[in-house]
Amino acid sequence: LTLSKERQLNATMSRPELTGHASLFYNAKEARKYDSSSRMIGVQREITERAIELLRLPEDKPGFVLDIGCGSGLSGQVLEEKGHVWVGCDVSRDMLEMAKERIDRKREEAASDEMNEDDEEDDEDEGPSSGDLMHHDMGTGLPF
């Protein structure tokens, strides 16, 4: 390999966006791997917390956030934990499927908790998911 080919190969291996369109790279296997990576979970948490800070979202009332390139919904999970409502948009159906599984799981847990609710107040009840998803390529603009 020439030095430039080697650099290109290394860049491609470390930067999936250089391999082609994200919808092709983030297939079901890669989406699941991404969603379960402790490194990616940590990175997404840090980025989302910084975005909340930069956006100056209020801590005392929910903000509404459009998460462009939401992927598997890791950032949406952080937004929910902070009390915000979000809509995620991504080009990868497989990444969105991971996000949908997370949202569905949270909604099922909330419904189950509601059915099993005691008379006592539960301060740790987070409620159902406040996220929603759409499959779309932002390169073509938003459909509304």
C-alpha atoms as a PDB file:
ATOM      1  CA  LEU A   1       0.000   0.000   0.000  1.00  0.00           C
ATOM      2  CA  THR A   2       1.141   3.507  -0.701  1.00  0.00           C
ATOM      3  CA  LEU A   3       1.180   5.952   2.197  1.00  0.00           C
ATOM      4  CA  SER A   4      -1.854   7.859   0.858  1.00  0.00           C
ATOM      5  CA  LYS A   5      -3.824   4.614   0.350  1.00  0.00           C
ATOM      6  CA  GLU A   6      -2.897   3.529   3.886  1.00  0.00           C
ATOM      7  CA  ARG A   7      -4.075   6.864   5.310  1.00  0.00           C
ATOM      8  CA  GLN A   8      -7.302   6.590   3.337  1.00  0.00           C
ATOM      9  CA  LEU A   9      -7.874   3.052   4.612  1.00  0.00           C
ATOM     10  CA  ASN A  10      -7.203   4.099   8.226  1.00  0.00           C
ATOM     11  CA  ALA A  11      -9.514   7.109   7.898  1.00  0.00           C
ATOM     12  CA  THR A  12     -12.253   4.891   6.449  1.00  0.00           C
ATOM     13  CA  MET A  13     -11.915   2.379   9.266  1.00  0.00           C
ATOM     14  CA  SER A  14     -12.136   5.060  11.968  1.00  0.00           C
ATOM     15  CA  ARG A  15     -14.736   7.237  10.225  1.00  0.00           C
ATOM     16  CA  PRO A  16     -17.693   5.234   8.904  1.00  0.00           C
ATOM     17  CA  GLU A  17     -19.101   8.241   7.058  1.00  0.00           C
ATOM     18  CA  LEU A  18     -16.181   7.879   4.638  1.00  0.00           C
ATOM     19  CA  THR A  19     -17.343   4.388   3.624  1.00  0.00           C
ATOM     20  CA  GLY A  20     -20.571   5.642   2.046  1.00  0.00           C
ATOM     21  CA  HIS A  21     -24.036   6.762   3.002  1.00  0.00           C
ATOM     22  CA  ALA A  22     -24.904   6.299   6.683  1.00  0.00           C
ATOM     23  CA  SER A  23     -28.032   4.330   5.816  1.00  0.00           C
ATOM     24  CA  LEU A  24     -25.769   1.709   4.220  1.00  0.00           C
ATOM     25  CA  PHE A  25     -23.170   1.560   6.995  1.00  0.00           C
ATOM     26  CA  TYR A  26     -25.568   1.497   9.948  1.00  0.00           C
ATOM     27  CA  ASN A  27     -27.312  -1.782   9.143  1.00  0.00           C
ATOM     28  CA  ALA A  28     -28.972  -3.877  11.865  1.00  0.00           C
ATOM     29  CA  LYS A  29     -25.675  -5.374  13.062  1.00  0.00           C
ATOM     30  CA  GLU A  30     -23.824  -2.024  13.229  1.00  0.00           C
ATOM     31  CA  ALA A  31     -26.828  -0.277  14.796  1.00  0.00           C
ATOM     32  CA  ARG A  32     -27.000  -2.847  17.603  1.00  0.00           C
ATOM     33  CA  LYS A  33     -23.226  -2.649  18.113  1.00  0.00           C
ATOM     34  CA  TYR A  34     -23.359   1.171  18.263  1.00  0.00           C
ATOM     35  CA  ASP A  35     -26.303   1.159  20.665  1.00  0.00           C
ATOM     36  CA  SER A  36     -24.611  -1.226  23.107  1.00  0.00           C
ATOM     37  CA  SER A  37     -21.131   0.339  23.026  1.00  0.00           C
ATOM     38  CA  SER A  38     -20.296   1.827  26.421  1.00  0.00           C
ATOM     39  CA  ARG A  39     -17.937   4.222  24.652  1.00  0.00           C
ATOM     40  CA  MET A  40     -20.677   5.512  22.319  1.00  0.00           C
ATOM     41  CA  ILE A  41     -23.182   5.736  25.170  1.00  0.00           C
ATOM     42  CA  GLY A  42     -20.717   7.865  27.135  1.00  0.00           C
ATOM     43  CA  VAL A  43     -19.866  10.070  24.158  1.00  0.00           C
ATOM     44  CA  GLN A  44     -23.540  10.624  23.317  1.00  0.00           C
ATOM     45  CA  ARG A  45     -24.316  11.483  26.951  1.00  0.00           C
ATOM     46  CA  GLU A  46     -21.506  14.073  27.072  1.00  0.00           C
ATOM     47  CA  ILE A  47     -22.455  15.605  23.723  1.00  0.00           C
ATOM     48  CA  THR A  48     -26.138  15.816  24.648  1.00  0.00           C
ATOM     49  CA  GLU A  49     -25.474  17.349  28.057  1.00  0.00           C
ATOM     50  CA  ARG A  50     -23.227  19.938  26.377  1.00  0.00           C
ATOM     51  CA  ALA A  51     -25.894  20.646  23.736  1.00  0.00           C
ATOM     52  CA  ILE A  52     -28.494  21.189  26.477  1.00  0.00           C
ATOM     53  CA  GLU A  53     -26.100  23.622  28.125  1.00  0.00           C
ATOM     54  CA  LEU A  54     -25.356  25.477  24.872  1.00  0.00           C
ATOM     55  CA  LEU A  55     -29.042  25.658  23.960  1.00  0.00           C
ATOM     56  CA  ARG A  56     -29.752  27.006  27.441  1.00  0.00           C
ATOM     57  CA  LEU A  57     -32.742  24.722  27.804  1.00  0.00           C
ATOM     58  CA  PRO A  58     -34.604  25.516  31.010  1.00  0.00           C
ATOM     59  CA  GLU A  59     -34.200  23.102  33.901  1.00  0.00           C
ATOM     60  CA  ASP A  60     -37.637  23.879  35.362  1.00  0.00           C
ATOM     61  CA  LYS A  61     -39.793  23.204  32.275  1.00  0.00           C
ATOM     62  CA  PRO A  62     -39.563  20.880  29.283  1.00  0.00           C
ATOM     63  CA  GLY A  63     -38.001  22.087  26.057  1.00  0.00           C
ATOM     64  CA  PHE A  64     -38.815  20.669  22.616  1.00  0.00           C
ATOM     65  CA  VAL A  65     -35.784  19.406  20.687  1.00  0.00           C
ATOM     66  CA  LEU A  66     -35.405  18.221  17.093  1.00  0.00           C
ATOM     67  CA  ASP A  67     -32.570  15.681  17.130  1.00  0.00           C
ATOM     68  CA  ILE A  68     -31.207  15.574  13.585  1.00  0.00           C
ATOM     69  CA  GLY A  69     -29.220  12.367  13.110  1.00  0.00           C
ATOM     70  CA  CYS A  70     -30.687  10.828  16.262  1.00  0.00           C
ATOM     71  CA  GLY A  71     -29.383   7.363  15.397  1.00  0.00           C
ATOM     72  CA  SER A  72     -30.408   4.834  18.031  1.00  0.00           C
ATOM     73  CA  GLY A  73     -31.888   7.454  20.335  1.00  0.00           C
ATOM     74  CA  LEU A  74     -29.073   7.597  22.890  1.00  0.00           C
ATOM     75  CA  SER A  75     -29.221  11.390  22.985  1.00  0.00           C
ATOM     76  CA  GLY A  76     -33.015  11.285  23.215  1.00  0.00           C
ATOM     77  CA  GLN A  77     -32.696   9.165  26.328  1.00  0.00           C
ATOM     78  CA  VAL A  78     -30.566  11.883  27.949  1.00  0.00           C
ATOM     79  CA  LEU A  79     -33.044  14.565  26.845  1.00  0.00           C
ATOM     80  CA  GLU A  80     -35.859  12.615  28.506  1.00  0.00           C
ATOM     81  CA  GLU A  81     -33.854  12.177  31.700  1.00  0.00           C
ATOM     82  CA  LYS A  82     -33.475  15.972  31.771  1.00  0.00           C
ATOM     83  CA  GLY A  83     -37.245  16.400  31.300  1.00  0.00           C
ATOM     84  CA  HIS A  84     -37.313  17.449  27.646  1.00  0.00           C
ATOM     85  CA  VAL A  85     -39.466  16.313  24.718  1.00  0.00           C
ATOM     86  CA  TRP A  86     -37.763  15.304  21.479  1.00  0.00           C
ATOM     87  CA  VAL A  87     -38.329  14.221  17.894  1.00  0.00           C
ATOM     88  CA  GLY A  88     -35.532  12.307  16.228  1.00  0.00           C
ATOM     89  CA  CYS A  89     -34.770  12.158  12.533  1.00  0.00           C
ATOM     90  CA  ASP A  90     -32.289   9.793  10.870  1.00  0.00           C
ATOM     91  CA  VAL A  91     -31.501   8.243   7.468  1.00  0.00           C
ATOM     92  CA  SER A  92     -30.828   4.755   8.873  1.00  0.00           C
ATOM     93  CA  ARG A  93     -33.952   2.665   9.348  1.00  0.00           C
ATOM     94  CA  ASP A  94     -31.941   0.194  11.446  1.00  0.00           C
ATOM     95  CA  MET A  95     -30.740   2.918  13.831  1.00  0.00           C
ATOM     96  CA  LEU A  96     -34.310   4.201  14.099  1.00  0.00           C
ATOM     97  CA  GLU A  97     -35.473   0.664  14.873  1.00  0.00           C
ATOM     98  CA  MET A  98     -33.096   0.645  17.861  1.00  0.00           C
ATOM     99  CA  ALA A  99     -34.521   3.982  18.993  1.00  0.00           C
ATOM    100  CA  LYS A 100     -38.085   2.697  18.520  1.00  0.00           C
ATOM    101  CA  GLU A 101     -37.302  -0.369  20.645  1.00  0.00           C
ATOM    102  CA  ARG A 102     -36.037   1.919  23.428  1.00  0.00           C
ATOM    103  CA  ILE A 103     -39.130   4.151  23.228  1.00  0.00           C
ATOM    104  CA  ASP A 104     -41.511   1.157  23.131  1.00  0.00           C
ATOM    105  CA  ARG A 105     -39.739  -0.441  26.106  1.00  0.00           C
ATOM    106  CA  LYS A 106     -40.066   2.758  28.138  1.00  0.00           C
ATOM    107  CA  ARG A 107     -43.751   3.122  27.248  1.00  0.00           C
ATOM    108  CA  GLU A 108     -44.427  -0.527  28.165  1.00  0.00           C
ATOM    109  CA  GLU A 109     -42.636  -0.068  31.500  1.00  0.00           C
ATOM    110  CA  ALA A 110     -44.683   3.064  32.218  1.00  0.00           C
ATOM    111  CA  ALA A 111     -47.941   1.255  31.390  1.00  0.00           C
ATOM    112  CA  SER A 112     -46.924  -1.706  33.555  1.00  0.00           C
ATOM    113  CA  ASP A 113     -45.957   0.586  36.434  1.00  0.00           C
ATOM    114  CA  GLU A 114     -49.286   2.376  36.107  1.00  0.00           C
ATOM    115  CA  MET A 115     -51.178  -0.935  36.364  1.00  0.00           C
ATOM    116  CA  ASN A 116     -49.118  -2.019  39.395  1.00  0.00           C
ATOM    117  CA  GLU A 117     -49.174   1.383  41.055  1.00  0.00           C
ATOM    118  CA  ASP A 118     -49.657   1.476  44.818  1.00  0.00           C
ATOM    119  CA  ASP A 119     -51.503   4.257  46.631  1.00  0.00           C
ATOM    120  CA  GLU A 120     -48.129   5.739  47.596  1.00  0.00           C
ATOM    121  CA  GLU A 121     -46.582   8.515  45.544  1.00  0.00           C
ATOM    122  CA  ASP A 122     -43.543   7.389  43.585  1.00  0.00           C
ATOM    123  CA  ASP A 123     -41.111  10.266  43.094  1.00  0.00           C
ATOM    124  CA  GLU A 124     -38.958   8.257  40.713  1.00  0.00           C
ATOM    125  CA  ASP A 125     -41.740   7.667  38.160  1.00  0.00           C
ATOM    126  CA  GLU A 126     -40.367   9.000  34.889  1.00  0.00           C
ATOM    127  CA  GLY A 127     -43.532   8.408  32.871  1.00  0.00           C
ATOM    128  CA  PRO A 128     -43.693   7.195  29.291  1.00  0.00           C
ATOM    129  CA  SER A 129     -41.156   8.148  26.675  1.00  0.00           C
ATOM    130  CA  SER A 130     -41.417  11.696  25.398  1.00  0.00           C
ATOM    131  CA  GLY A 131     -39.662  10.914  22.122  1.00  0.00           C
ATOM    132  CA  ASP A 132     -40.869  10.331  18.601  1.00  0.00           C
ATOM    133  CA  LEU A 133     -39.098   9.385  15.370  1.00  0.00           C
ATOM    134  CA  MET A 134     -39.124   9.989  11.635  1.00  0.00           C
ATOM    135  CA  HIS A 135     -37.133   8.396   8.834  1.00  0.00           C
ATOM    136  CA  HIS A 136     -35.809  11.154   6.598  1.00  0.00           C
ATOM    137  CA  ASP A 137     -32.673  12.400   4.850  1.00  0.00           C
ATOM    138  CA  MET A 138     -32.062  15.950   6.034  1.00  0.00           C
ATOM    139  CA  GLY A 139     -30.253  16.669   2.786  1.00  0.00           C
ATOM    140  CA  THR A 140     -33.661  17.045   1.175  1.00  0.00           C
ATOM    141  CA  GLY A 141     -35.077  19.330   3.879  1.00  0.00           C
ATOM    142  CA  LEU A 142     -37.848  18.637   6.345  1.00  0.00           C
ATOM    143  CA  PRO A 143     -41.218  17.382   5.080  1.00  0.00           C
ATOM    144  CA  PHE A 144     -43.165  20.094   6.909  1.00  0.00           C
END
